Amino acid sequence: MDVNLVMFKPDGQRKDFPLTNTVSVIGRGEECELQIPLLNVSRRHCELRLDPGDIIRVKDLASSNGTYLNNQRISEGELSAGDRLAIGPIVFTVQVDGLPGEVAPIKSDGQVVAEGSAIDGPTVITEEVEIEIQPEAEEVDVAPVELVEAAAPEVVEPIEVAEPEVVVEAAPAPEPAPAPEPAPAPEPAPEQEGGEPLDPISALEALAAESRKKGK
């Protein structure tokens, strides 16, 4: 499907603007696919989209002065061959696959020319306006990049560190404690005359008497 936007300059010269992109933005900004350098055209004024099934859609991008289709202000719409699309003071005729075959300049009342302010309906502008179609970005040949295989990292063998030998010395066995000296045997109890042992009380009395003798 070939879609052209056709406009006429004040001197009657016709200019065609083919839509080659699936989406084309029209506006005052330099980034737009179709640039109209007029102050009463917003930077991003409207968008044209070529949808499957040979459908052409137009969408206003919140422009200040509005987008008009066949003298009606719209937010969105569908374009057909022969429709009039007004953007600011510029009026385009939509031509699809060469139809309509002949396009005449538009002259109607109400549309203010390029130096005006209000917009009521389309007409032919009275001042020279150069509308530019921004070229598509050129493909840049990129030289192939040669991939250089990186050298494998050098493997460093681990260094073995000898563990210090641990010598455990056995503690000396404790010396055996000296055996206790045997207790002195008790003195035999004094015996009575006749060789029989005395009873404890008698023995004590005998010892006491013997001690007194030694003391004398």
N, C-alpha and C. Protein backbone atom coordinates (compact mmCIF):
# COMPACT_ATOMS: atom_id res chain seq x y z
N MET A 1 0.85 -1.20 0.00
CA MET A 1 0.00 0.00 0.00
C MET A 1 0.88 1.24 0.00
N ASP A 2 0.67 2.12 -1.00
CA ASP A 2 1.40 3.37 -1.10
C ASP A 2 0.52 4.50 -0.59
N VAL A 3 1.01 5.21 0.42
CA VAL A 3 0.24 6.31 1.01
C VAL A 3 1.05 7.59 0.85
N ASN A 4 0.41 8.61 0.30
CA ASN A 4 1.04 9.93 0.13
C ASN A 4 0.18 10.99 0.80
N LEU A 5 0.84 11.97 1.41
CA LEU A 5 0.17 13.17 1.87
C LEU A 5 0.49 14.27 0.86
N VAL A 6 -0.56 14.82 0.24
CA VAL A 6 -0.38 15.80 -0.85
C VAL A 6 -0.77 17.17 -0.33
N MET A 7 0.07 18.17 -0.56
CA MET A 7 -0.23 19.56 -0.21
C MET A 7 0.18 20.47 -1.36
N PHE A 8 -0.34 21.70 -1.31
CA PHE A 8 -0.02 22.68 -2.35
C PHE A 8 0.54 23.94 -1.70
N LYS A 9 1.58 24.47 -2.30
CA LYS A 9 2.14 25.74 -1.85
C LYS A 9 1.25 26.88 -2.35
N PRO A 10 1.45 28.11 -1.83
CA PRO A 10 0.63 29.25 -2.27
C PRO A 10 0.73 29.51 -3.77
N ASP A 11 1.85 29.15 -4.38
CA ASP A 11 1.97 29.38 -5.82
C ASP A 11 1.36 28.24 -6.64
N GLY A 12 0.69 27.28 -5.97
CA GLY A 12 0.04 26.19 -6.68
C GLY A 12 0.92 24.97 -6.91
N GLN A 13 2.17 25.03 -6.47
CA GLN A 13 3.06 23.88 -6.66
C GLN A 13 2.67 22.75 -5.73
N ARG A 14 2.58 21.56 -6.31
CA ARG A 14 2.18 20.38 -5.51
C ARG A 14 3.43 19.70 -4.93
N LYS A 15 3.25 19.21 -3.69
CA LYS A 15 4.32 18.44 -3.05
C LYS A 15 3.72 17.17 -2.44
N ASP A 16 4.36 16.06 -2.70
CA ASP A 16 3.91 14.78 -2.15
C ASP A 16 4.88 14.32 -1.06
N PHE A 17 4.31 13.77 0.01
CA PHE A 17 5.12 13.25 1.11
C PHE A 17 4.72 11.79 1.35
N PRO A 18 5.50 10.85 0.84
CA PRO A 18 5.16 9.43 1.02
C PRO A 18 5.40 8.98 2.47
N LEU A 19 4.51 8.12 2.96
CA LEU A 19 4.67 7.54 4.29
C LEU A 19 5.30 6.16 4.11
N THR A 20 6.57 6.06 4.46
CA THR A 20 7.31 4.80 4.28
C THR A 20 7.48 4.02 5.57
N ASN A 21 7.25 4.67 6.70
CA ASN A 21 7.39 3.99 7.98
C ASN A 21 6.04 3.47 8.46
N THR A 22 6.07 2.43 9.27
CA THR A 22 4.84 1.94 9.86
C THR A 22 4.22 2.99 10.76
N VAL A 23 5.06 3.73 11.48
CA VAL A 23 4.59 4.83 12.34
C VAL A 23 5.35 6.08 11.96
N SER A 24 4.61 7.16 11.67
CA SER A 24 5.22 8.44 11.32
C SER A 24 4.63 9.52 12.21
N VAL A 25 5.52 10.28 12.86
CA VAL A 25 5.09 11.38 13.72
C VAL A 25 5.24 12.68 12.95
N ILE A 26 4.20 13.51 12.98
CA ILE A 26 4.22 14.82 12.31
C ILE A 26 4.23 15.89 13.40
N GLY A 27 5.12 16.87 13.24
CA GLY A 27 5.19 17.93 14.23
C GLY A 27 6.31 18.92 13.90
N ARG A 28 6.54 19.82 14.85
CA ARG A 28 7.55 20.85 14.67
C ARG A 28 8.95 20.38 15.06
N GLY A 29 9.03 19.37 15.88
CA GLY A 29 10.33 18.92 16.39
C GLY A 29 11.19 18.26 15.32
N GLU A 30 12.49 18.41 15.48
CA GLU A 30 13.42 17.86 14.51
C GLU A 30 13.42 16.33 14.51
N GLU A 31 12.96 15.72 15.59
CA GLU A 31 12.96 14.26 15.65
C GLU A 31 11.77 13.64 14.92
N CYS A 32 10.82 14.47 14.44
CA CYS A 32 9.63 13.95 13.76
C CYS A 32 9.98 13.46 12.36
N GLU A 33 9.26 12.42 11.92
CA GLU A 33 9.48 11.92 10.56
C GLU A 33 9.04 12.95 9.52
N LEU A 34 7.98 13.71 9.80
CA LEU A 34 7.52 14.78 8.90
C LEU A 34 7.51 16.07 9.70
N GLN A 35 8.46 16.97 9.41
CA GLN A 35 8.65 18.18 10.21
C GLN A 35 7.99 19.37 9.54
N ILE A 36 7.13 20.06 10.30
CA ILE A 36 6.48 21.29 9.83
C ILE A 36 6.96 22.42 10.74
N PRO A 37 7.86 23.27 10.29
CA PRO A 37 8.46 24.29 11.15
C PRO A 37 7.57 25.52 11.33
N LEU A 38 6.42 25.35 11.97
CA LEU A 38 5.51 26.45 12.27
C LEU A 38 5.19 26.44 13.76
N LEU A 39 5.06 27.65 14.34
CA LEU A 39 4.84 27.75 15.77
C LEU A 39 3.48 27.19 16.19
N ASN A 40 2.47 27.26 15.33
CA ASN A 40 1.16 26.73 15.72
C ASN A 40 1.02 25.24 15.41
N VAL A 41 2.14 24.59 15.16
CA VAL A 41 2.20 23.13 15.07
C VAL A 41 3.01 22.65 16.27
N SER A 42 2.45 21.72 17.03
CA SER A 42 3.14 21.25 18.23
C SER A 42 4.39 20.45 17.85
N ARG A 43 5.29 20.31 18.83
CA ARG A 43 6.53 19.57 18.56
C ARG A 43 6.23 18.14 18.12
N ARG A 44 5.32 17.50 18.78
CA ARG A 44 4.80 16.19 18.36
C ARG A 44 3.29 16.35 18.23
N HIS A 45 2.85 16.62 17.03
CA HIS A 45 1.46 17.03 16.82
C HIS A 45 0.52 15.83 16.69
N CYS A 46 0.83 14.94 15.76
CA CYS A 46 -0.02 13.78 15.55
C CYS A 46 0.82 12.62 15.03
N GLU A 47 0.18 11.44 15.00
CA GLU A 47 0.88 10.22 14.60
C GLU A 47 0.05 9.48 13.57
N LEU A 48 0.69 9.04 12.50
CA LEU A 48 0.04 8.23 11.48
C LEU A 48 0.61 6.82 11.56
N ARG A 49 -0.29 5.83 11.53
CA ARG A 49 0.13 4.44 11.67
C ARG A 49 -0.48 3.62 10.54
N LEU A 50 0.35 2.80 9.90
CA LEU A 50 -0.11 1.89 8.86
C LEU A 50 -0.28 0.52 9.49
N ASP A 51 -1.54 0.12 9.70
CA ASP A 51 -1.84 -1.15 10.35
C ASP A 51 -2.10 -2.24 9.31
N PRO A 52 -2.00 -3.51 9.71
CA PRO A 52 -2.32 -4.60 8.78
C PRO A 52 -3.75 -4.48 8.25
N GLY A 53 -3.96 -4.95 7.03
CA GLY A 53 -5.28 -4.83 6.41
C GLY A 53 -5.46 -3.51 5.69
N ASP A 54 -4.35 -2.83 5.35
CA ASP A 54 -4.41 -1.55 4.62
C ASP A 54 -5.25 -0.52 5.38
N ILE A 55 -5.02 -0.43 6.68
CA ILE A 55 -5.73 0.54 7.51
C ILE A 55 -4.76 1.65 7.89
N ILE A 56 -5.20 2.89 7.71
CA ILE A 56 -4.38 4.06 8.06
C ILE A 56 -5.06 4.75 9.24
N ARG A 57 -4.35 4.85 10.33
CA ARG A 57 -4.91 5.48 11.53
C ARG A 57 -4.15 6.77 11.84
N VAL A 58 -4.90 7.75 12.36
CA VAL A 58 -4.31 9.01 12.80
C VAL A 58 -4.68 9.21 14.25
N LYS A 59 -3.71 9.71 15.03
CA LYS A 59 -3.93 9.95 16.45
C LYS A 59 -3.31 11.28 16.84
N ASP A 60 -4.11 12.14 17.46
CA ASP A 60 -3.61 13.42 17.95
C ASP A 60 -2.77 13.18 19.20
N LEU A 61 -1.61 13.83 19.28
CA LEU A 61 -0.69 13.64 20.40
C LEU A 61 -0.79 14.81 21.38
N ALA A 62 -2.03 15.11 21.81
CA ALA A 62 -2.28 16.20 22.76
C ALA A 62 -1.72 17.52 22.25
N SER A 63 -1.95 17.80 20.97
CA SER A 63 -1.45 19.04 20.38
C SER A 63 -2.24 20.24 20.89
N SER A 64 -1.62 21.42 20.79
CA SER A 64 -2.27 22.64 21.29
C SER A 64 -3.43 23.06 20.39
N ASN A 65 -3.25 22.99 19.08
CA ASN A 65 -4.25 23.49 18.14
C ASN A 65 -5.08 22.38 17.50
N GLY A 66 -4.81 21.15 17.82
CA GLY A 66 -5.67 20.08 17.38
C GLY A 66 -5.32 19.52 16.00
N THR A 67 -5.87 18.33 15.74
CA THR A 67 -5.75 17.66 14.45
C THR A 67 -7.16 17.53 13.87
N TYR A 68 -7.31 17.89 12.58
CA TYR A 68 -8.63 17.94 11.95
C TYR A 68 -8.69 16.94 10.80
N LEU A 69 -9.78 16.17 10.77
CA LEU A 69 -10.04 15.23 9.68
C LEU A 69 -11.37 15.62 9.04
N ASN A 70 -11.28 16.07 7.78
CA ASN A 70 -12.47 16.53 7.05
C ASN A 70 -13.26 17.56 7.85
N ASN A 71 -12.54 18.56 8.37
CA ASN A 71 -13.09 19.71 9.10
C ASN A 71 -13.58 19.37 10.50
N GLN A 72 -13.30 18.18 11.00
CA GLN A 72 -13.72 17.79 12.34
C GLN A 72 -12.48 17.54 13.19
N ARG A 73 -12.47 18.17 14.39
CA ARG A 73 -11.35 17.94 15.29
C ARG A 73 -11.47 16.54 15.90
N ILE A 74 -10.38 15.81 15.90
CA ILE A 74 -10.42 14.42 16.34
C ILE A 74 -9.30 14.17 17.35
N SER A 75 -9.47 13.09 18.11
CA SER A 75 -8.37 12.58 18.93
C SER A 75 -7.77 11.35 18.25
N GLU A 76 -8.63 10.56 17.59
CA GLU A 76 -8.19 9.43 16.78
C GLU A 76 -9.15 9.28 15.61
N GLY A 77 -8.66 8.64 14.56
CA GLY A 77 -9.52 8.42 13.40
C GLY A 77 -8.86 7.50 12.40
N GLU A 78 -9.64 7.12 11.38
CA GLU A 78 -9.15 6.25 10.31
C GLU A 78 -9.21 7.02 9.00
N LEU A 79 -8.13 7.00 8.26
CA LEU A 79 -8.03 7.77 7.01
C LEU A 79 -8.37 6.89 5.81
N SER A 80 -8.96 7.55 4.83
CA SER A 80 -9.27 6.89 3.56
C SER A 80 -8.79 7.78 2.42
N ALA A 81 -8.72 7.23 1.23
CA ALA A 81 -8.28 8.00 0.07
C ALA A 81 -9.20 9.19 -0.15
N GLY A 82 -8.60 10.36 -0.35
CA GLY A 82 -9.36 11.58 -0.59
C GLY A 82 -9.67 12.37 0.67
N ASP A 83 -9.38 11.84 1.88
CA ASP A 83 -9.64 12.59 3.11
C ASP A 83 -8.71 13.79 3.20
N ARG A 84 -9.21 14.82 3.94
CA ARG A 84 -8.43 16.03 4.18
C ARG A 84 -7.94 16.00 5.63
N LEU A 85 -6.63 16.12 5.80
CA LEU A 85 -6.01 16.11 7.14
C LEU A 85 -5.35 17.46 7.36
N ALA A 86 -5.86 18.21 8.35
CA ALA A 86 -5.34 19.55 8.65
C ALA A 86 -4.52 19.50 9.93
N ILE A 87 -3.27 19.96 9.84
CA ILE A 87 -2.35 20.03 10.98
C ILE A 87 -1.86 21.47 11.06
N GLY A 88 -2.36 22.20 12.08
CA GLY A 88 -2.08 23.63 12.11
C GLY A 88 -2.68 24.26 10.86
N PRO A 89 -1.96 25.10 10.15
CA PRO A 89 -2.49 25.70 8.93
C PRO A 89 -2.25 24.84 7.67
N ILE A 90 -1.62 23.71 7.84
CA ILE A 90 -1.29 22.87 6.69
C ILE A 90 -2.42 21.88 6.45
N VAL A 91 -2.85 21.76 5.16
CA VAL A 91 -3.90 20.83 4.78
C VAL A 91 -3.32 19.81 3.81
N PHE A 92 -3.42 18.53 4.19
CA PHE A 92 -2.97 17.45 3.32
C PHE A 92 -4.19 16.71 2.75
N THR A 93 -4.05 16.23 1.53
CA THR A 93 -5.00 15.29 0.95
C THR A 93 -4.37 13.91 0.99
N VAL A 94 -5.13 12.94 1.49
CA VAL A 94 -4.62 11.58 1.61
C VAL A 94 -4.81 10.86 0.28
N GLN A 95 -3.74 10.36 -0.26
CA GLN A 95 -3.78 9.62 -1.53
C GLN A 95 -3.27 8.20 -1.26
N VAL A 96 -4.10 7.20 -1.61
CA VAL A 96 -3.78 5.80 -1.35
C VAL A 96 -3.73 5.05 -2.68
N ASP A 97 -2.56 4.46 -2.97
CA ASP A 97 -2.36 3.71 -4.22
C ASP A 97 -2.79 4.52 -5.45
N GLY A 98 -2.45 5.82 -5.43
CA GLY A 98 -2.73 6.69 -6.57
C GLY A 98 -4.14 7.24 -6.61
N LEU A 99 -4.96 6.98 -5.61
CA LEU A 99 -6.34 7.47 -5.57
C LEU A 99 -6.48 8.48 -4.45
N PRO A 100 -7.19 9.59 -4.68
CA PRO A 100 -7.77 10.01 -5.97
C PRO A 100 -6.69 10.36 -7.00
N GLY A 101 -7.00 10.15 -8.25
CA GLY A 101 -6.01 10.38 -9.30
C GLY A 101 -5.60 11.84 -9.42
N GLU A 102 -6.54 12.76 -9.24
CA GLU A 102 -6.27 14.19 -9.31
C GLU A 102 -6.61 14.83 -7.98
N VAL A 103 -5.68 15.64 -7.49
CA VAL A 103 -5.88 16.34 -6.22
C VAL A 103 -5.79 17.83 -6.49
N ALA A 104 -6.85 18.55 -6.08
CA ALA A 104 -6.88 20.00 -6.29
C ALA A 104 -6.59 20.71 -4.99
N PRO A 105 -6.05 21.92 -5.06
CA PRO A 105 -5.82 22.71 -3.84
C PRO A 105 -7.13 22.94 -3.09
N ILE A 106 -7.01 23.03 -1.76
CA ILE A 106 -8.18 23.21 -0.91
C ILE A 106 -8.40 24.70 -0.65
N LYS A 107 -9.66 25.14 -0.85
CA LYS A 107 -10.02 26.52 -0.52
C LYS A 107 -11.36 26.48 0.19
N SER A 108 -11.32 26.84 1.47
CA SER A 108 -12.57 26.90 2.24
C SER A 108 -12.44 27.99 3.28
N ASP A 109 -13.59 28.43 3.79
CA ASP A 109 -13.60 29.55 4.74
C ASP A 109 -13.31 29.05 6.16
N GLY A 110 -12.72 29.92 6.96
CA GLY A 110 -12.57 29.66 8.39
C GLY A 110 -11.16 29.31 8.80
N GLN A 111 -10.41 28.64 7.97
CA GLN A 111 -9.06 28.27 8.37
C GLN A 111 -8.16 29.49 8.34
N VAL A 112 -7.49 29.76 9.44
CA VAL A 112 -6.59 30.90 9.51
C VAL A 112 -5.26 30.49 8.89
N VAL A 113 -4.67 31.41 8.16
CA VAL A 113 -3.42 31.12 7.48
C VAL A 113 -2.30 31.04 8.49
N ALA A 114 -1.08 30.78 8.01
CA ALA A 114 0.04 30.46 8.89
C ALA A 114 0.31 31.53 9.93
N GLU A 115 0.01 32.81 9.62
CA GLU A 115 0.31 33.83 10.60
C GLU A 115 -0.84 34.08 11.57
N GLY A 116 -1.89 33.29 11.53
CA GLY A 116 -3.04 33.51 12.38
C GLY A 116 -2.96 32.73 13.68
N SER A 117 -4.14 32.58 14.34
CA SER A 117 -4.14 31.91 15.64
C SER A 117 -5.20 30.81 15.70
N ALA A 118 -6.49 31.15 15.55
CA ALA A 118 -7.53 30.14 15.70
C ALA A 118 -7.60 29.25 14.46
N ILE A 119 -8.12 28.03 14.66
CA ILE A 119 -8.23 27.07 13.57
C ILE A 119 -9.66 26.52 13.58
N ASP A 120 -10.45 26.78 12.52
CA ASP A 120 -11.82 26.30 12.42
C ASP A 120 -12.01 25.31 11.27
N GLY A 121 -11.23 25.42 10.21
CA GLY A 121 -11.39 24.52 9.07
C GLY A 121 -10.22 24.67 8.14
N PRO A 122 -10.04 23.72 7.21
CA PRO A 122 -8.84 23.74 6.36
C PRO A 122 -8.91 24.75 5.23
N THR A 123 -7.75 25.23 4.80
CA THR A 123 -7.61 26.09 3.63
C THR A 123 -6.18 26.03 3.16
N VAL A 124 -5.83 26.75 2.13
CA VAL A 124 -4.46 26.78 1.62
C VAL A 124 -3.67 27.86 2.37
N ILE A 125 -2.47 27.54 2.82
CA ILE A 125 -1.68 28.53 3.54
C ILE A 125 -1.19 29.59 2.57
N THR A 126 -0.90 30.78 3.09
CA THR A 126 -0.51 31.90 2.24
C THR A 126 0.96 32.24 2.37
N GLU A 127 1.72 31.46 3.14
CA GLU A 127 3.15 31.74 3.24
C GLU A 127 3.93 30.48 2.89
N GLU A 128 5.15 30.68 2.49
CA GLU A 128 6.00 29.58 2.07
C GLU A 128 6.45 28.79 3.29
N VAL A 129 6.18 27.49 3.30
CA VAL A 129 6.58 26.62 4.38
C VAL A 129 7.30 25.43 3.78
N GLU A 130 8.49 25.18 4.27
CA GLU A 130 9.25 24.03 3.81
C GLU A 130 9.04 22.88 4.79
N ILE A 131 8.34 21.86 4.32
CA ILE A 131 8.11 20.67 5.14
C ILE A 131 9.18 19.66 4.79
N GLU A 132 9.81 19.11 5.80
CA GLU A 132 10.93 18.20 5.59
C GLU A 132 10.57 16.80 6.06
N ILE A 133 11.01 15.83 5.27
CA ILE A 133 10.92 14.43 5.67
C ILE A 133 12.29 14.02 6.15
N GLN A 134 12.35 13.61 7.41
CA GLN A 134 13.63 13.21 7.97
C GLN A 134 14.08 11.89 7.36
N PRO A 135 15.33 11.84 6.87
CA PRO A 135 15.82 10.59 6.28
C PRO A 135 15.96 9.50 7.32
N GLU A 136 15.79 8.29 6.84
CA GLU A 136 15.97 7.16 7.73
C GLU A 136 17.45 6.99 8.05
N ALA A 137 17.72 6.48 9.20
CA ALA A 137 19.11 6.29 9.62
C ALA A 137 19.81 5.28 8.70
N GLU A 138 20.98 5.66 8.23
CA GLU A 138 21.73 4.78 7.35
C GLU A 138 22.38 3.66 8.15
N GLU A 139 22.42 2.51 7.50
CA GLU A 139 23.08 1.39 8.14
C GLU A 139 24.60 1.56 8.05
N VAL A 140 25.23 1.38 9.13
CA VAL A 140 26.68 1.54 9.20
C VAL A 140 27.32 0.16 9.20
N ASP A 141 28.24 -0.02 8.26
CA ASP A 141 28.95 -1.29 8.20
C ASP A 141 29.94 -1.36 9.35
N VAL A 142 29.83 -2.38 10.09
CA VAL A 142 30.73 -2.57 11.22
C VAL A 142 31.69 -3.69 10.88
N ALA A 143 32.97 -3.36 10.95
CA ALA A 143 33.98 -4.37 10.63
C ALA A 143 33.92 -5.49 11.65
N PRO A 144 34.06 -6.71 11.16
CA PRO A 144 34.01 -7.83 12.12
C PRO A 144 35.15 -7.74 13.13
N VAL A 145 34.83 -8.08 14.29
CA VAL A 145 35.81 -8.02 15.38
C VAL A 145 36.43 -9.40 15.53
N GLU A 146 37.76 -9.43 15.43
CA GLU A 146 38.46 -10.70 15.56
C GLU A 146 38.62 -11.02 17.04
N LEU A 147 38.13 -12.18 17.36
CA LEU A 147 38.21 -12.60 18.75
C LEU A 147 39.54 -13.31 18.99
N VAL A 148 40.28 -12.85 19.94
CA VAL A 148 41.57 -13.45 20.27
C VAL A 148 41.38 -14.31 21.51
N GLU A 149 41.74 -15.56 21.35
CA GLU A 149 41.58 -16.47 22.48
C GLU A 149 42.60 -16.14 23.56
N ALA A 150 42.12 -15.92 24.69
CA ALA A 150 43.02 -15.56 25.79
C ALA A 150 43.80 -16.79 26.24
N ALA A 151 45.08 -16.55 26.57
CA ALA A 151 45.93 -17.64 27.02
C ALA A 151 45.43 -18.17 28.36
N ALA A 152 45.53 -19.47 28.48
CA ALA A 152 45.07 -20.07 29.73
C ALA A 152 45.97 -19.62 30.87
N PRO A 153 45.42 -19.34 31.98
CA PRO A 153 46.25 -18.89 33.12
C PRO A 153 47.20 -19.99 33.58
N GLU A 154 48.41 -19.57 33.94
CA GLU A 154 49.41 -20.52 34.39
C GLU A 154 49.00 -21.13 35.73
N VAL A 155 49.08 -22.46 35.74
CA VAL A 155 48.68 -23.16 36.96
C VAL A 155 49.88 -23.23 37.90
N VAL A 156 49.72 -22.72 39.05
CA VAL A 156 50.79 -22.72 40.05
C VAL A 156 50.54 -23.88 40.99
N GLU A 157 51.54 -24.78 41.05
CA GLU A 157 51.38 -25.93 41.92
C GLU A 157 51.49 -25.49 43.38
N PRO A 158 50.68 -26.08 44.20
CA PRO A 158 50.72 -25.67 45.62
C PRO A 158 52.03 -26.10 46.29
N ILE A 159 52.53 -25.28 47.14
CA ILE A 159 53.77 -25.55 47.87
C ILE A 159 53.43 -26.29 49.15
N GLU A 160 54.08 -27.43 49.31
CA GLU A 160 53.82 -28.21 50.51
C GLU A 160 54.65 -27.66 51.68
N VAL A 161 54.00 -27.40 52.73
CA VAL A 161 54.66 -26.87 53.93
C VAL A 161 54.69 -28.00 54.96
N ALA A 162 55.94 -28.37 55.36
CA ALA A 162 56.08 -29.46 56.33
C ALA A 162 55.57 -29.01 57.69
N GLU A 163 54.75 -29.84 58.24
CA GLU A 163 54.23 -29.50 59.55
C GLU A 163 55.30 -29.80 60.61
N PRO A 164 55.49 -28.94 61.59
CA PRO A 164 56.51 -29.18 62.63
C PRO A 164 56.17 -30.43 63.44
N GLU A 165 57.23 -31.22 63.71
CA GLU A 165 57.03 -32.45 64.46
C GLU A 165 56.83 -32.11 65.94
N VAL A 166 55.79 -32.60 66.44
CA VAL A 166 55.46 -32.33 67.84
C VAL A 166 55.94 -33.51 68.67
N VAL A 167 56.86 -33.25 69.60
CA VAL A 167 57.39 -34.29 70.49
C VAL A 167 56.75 -34.13 71.85
N VAL A 168 56.10 -35.16 72.26
CA VAL A 168 55.44 -35.11 73.57
C VAL A 168 56.29 -35.91 74.56
N GLU A 169 56.85 -35.24 75.56
CA GLU A 169 57.66 -35.91 76.57
C GLU A 169 56.79 -36.36 77.73
N ALA A 170 57.01 -37.61 78.09
CA ALA A 170 56.22 -38.14 79.20
C ALA A 170 56.74 -37.57 80.53
N ALA A 171 55.84 -37.19 81.34
CA ALA A 171 56.23 -36.64 82.65
C ALA A 171 56.83 -37.78 83.52
N PRO A 172 57.89 -37.48 84.29
CA PRO A 172 58.50 -38.54 85.13
C PRO A 172 57.53 -39.03 86.19
N ALA A 173 57.59 -40.32 86.38
CA ALA A 173 56.69 -40.92 87.38
C ALA A 173 57.05 -40.41 88.77
N PRO A 174 56.06 -40.09 89.58
CA PRO A 174 56.37 -39.57 90.93
C PRO A 174 57.08 -40.64 91.79
N GLU A 175 58.03 -40.18 92.59
CA GLU A 175 58.75 -41.11 93.47
C GLU A 175 57.82 -41.64 94.55
N PRO A 176 57.95 -42.91 94.84
CA PRO A 176 57.05 -43.46 95.89
C PRO A 176 57.34 -42.85 97.25
N ALA A 177 56.30 -42.60 97.95
CA ALA A 177 56.44 -42.00 99.29
C ALA A 177 57.10 -43.01 100.24
N PRO A 178 58.02 -42.54 101.12
CA PRO A 178 58.69 -43.46 102.05
C PRO A 178 57.69 -44.14 102.97
N ALA A 179 57.93 -45.39 103.17
CA ALA A 179 57.02 -46.16 104.03
C ALA A 179 57.12 -45.63 105.46
N PRO A 180 56.00 -45.51 106.14
CA PRO A 180 56.05 -44.98 107.53
C PRO A 180 56.79 -45.95 108.46
N GLU A 181 57.50 -45.34 109.36
CA GLU A 181 58.25 -46.17 110.32
C GLU A 181 57.28 -46.89 111.26
N PRO A 182 57.60 -48.12 111.57
CA PRO A 182 56.66 -48.86 112.44
C PRO A 182 56.63 -48.25 113.83
N ALA A 183 55.46 -48.23 114.34
CA ALA A 183 55.28 -47.66 115.70
C ALA A 183 55.97 -48.55 116.72
N PRO A 184 56.58 -47.92 117.75
CA PRO A 184 57.27 -48.73 118.77
C PRO A 184 56.29 -49.64 119.49
N ALA A 185 56.75 -50.78 119.70
CA ALA A 185 55.88 -51.74 120.39
C ALA A 185 55.59 -51.25 121.80
N PRO A 186 54.36 -51.41 122.23
CA PRO A 186 54.03 -50.93 123.60
C PRO A 186 54.79 -51.71 124.66
N GLU A 187 55.13 -51.00 125.71
CA GLU A 187 55.85 -51.65 126.81
C GLU A 187 54.92 -52.65 127.47
N PRO A 188 55.45 -53.73 127.84
CA PRO A 188 54.58 -54.72 128.48
C PRO A 188 54.09 -54.22 129.82
N ALA A 189 52.86 -54.54 130.04
CA ALA A 189 52.25 -54.10 131.30
C ALA A 189 52.97 -54.77 132.46
N PRO A 190 53.12 -54.04 133.57
CA PRO A 190 53.80 -54.63 134.73
C PRO A 190 53.05 -55.88 135.20
N GLU A 191 53.82 -56.77 135.60
CA GLU A 191 53.24 -58.03 136.06
C GLU A 191 53.25 -58.07 137.59
N GLN A 192 52.30 -58.84 138.16
CA GLN A 192 52.29 -59.05 139.60
C GLN A 192 53.37 -60.08 139.96
N GLU A 193 53.61 -60.09 141.19
CA GLU A 193 54.54 -61.12 141.63
C GLU A 193 53.89 -62.46 141.36
N GLY A 194 54.57 -63.35 140.92
CA GLY A 194 54.05 -64.65 140.53
C GLY A 194 53.93 -64.76 139.02
N GLY A 195 54.18 -63.57 138.23
CA GLY A 195 54.19 -63.63 136.75
C GLY A 195 52.87 -63.36 136.12
N GLU A 196 51.78 -63.05 136.79
CA GLU A 196 50.47 -62.77 136.16
C GLU A 196 50.36 -61.27 135.92
N PRO A 197 49.80 -60.89 134.86
CA PRO A 197 49.67 -59.45 134.55
C PRO A 197 48.67 -58.79 135.46
N LEU A 198 48.90 -57.47 135.74
CA LEU A 198 48.00 -56.73 136.62
C LEU A 198 46.81 -56.26 135.81
N ASP A 199 45.73 -55.96 136.51
CA ASP A 199 44.58 -55.36 135.83
C ASP A 199 44.95 -53.90 135.55
N PRO A 200 44.25 -53.19 134.68
CA PRO A 200 44.66 -51.83 134.30
C PRO A 200 44.82 -50.88 135.47
N ILE A 201 43.97 -50.92 136.43
CA ILE A 201 44.07 -49.95 137.54
C ILE A 201 45.29 -50.26 138.39
N SER A 202 45.49 -51.52 138.60
CA SER A 202 46.64 -51.90 139.40
C SER A 202 47.93 -51.57 138.67
N ALA A 203 47.87 -51.73 137.29
CA ALA A 203 49.07 -51.43 136.50
C ALA A 203 49.39 -49.95 136.61
N LEU A 204 48.38 -49.09 136.56
CA LEU A 204 48.62 -47.64 136.64
C LEU A 204 49.18 -47.28 138.01
N GLU A 205 48.66 -47.87 139.02
CA GLU A 205 49.16 -47.55 140.35
C GLU A 205 50.62 -48.00 140.50
N ALA A 206 50.96 -49.14 139.90
CA ALA A 206 52.33 -49.63 139.98
C ALA A 206 53.28 -48.71 139.27
N LEU A 207 52.85 -48.23 138.04
CA LEU A 207 53.69 -47.30 137.28
C LEU A 207 53.89 -46.01 138.06
N ALA A 208 52.84 -45.53 138.71
CA ALA A 208 52.97 -44.27 139.46
C ALA A 208 53.93 -44.45 140.61
N ALA A 209 53.89 -45.63 141.27
CA ALA A 209 54.78 -45.85 142.40
C ALA A 209 56.20 -45.94 141.94
N GLU A 210 56.41 -46.54 140.77
CA GLU A 210 57.78 -46.69 140.23
C GLU A 210 58.32 -45.32 139.85
N SER A 211 57.46 -44.43 139.30
CA SER A 211 57.93 -43.09 138.93
C SER A 211 58.34 -42.29 140.17
N ARG A 212 57.64 -42.50 141.28
CA ARG A 212 57.99 -41.76 142.49
C ARG A 212 59.33 -42.24 143.00
N LYS A 213 59.59 -43.52 142.89
CA LYS A 213 60.87 -44.03 143.32
C LYS A 213 62.02 -43.44 142.52
N LYS A 214 61.83 -43.36 141.22
CA LYS A 214 62.89 -42.81 140.38
C LYS A 214 63.10 -41.34 140.65
N GLY A 215 62.05 -40.66 141.05
CA GLY A 215 62.18 -39.23 141.34
C GLY A 215 62.96 -38.98 142.61
N LYS A 216 62.96 -39.95 143.54
CA LYS A 216 63.72 -39.78 144.74
C LYS A 216 65.16 -40.03 144.50
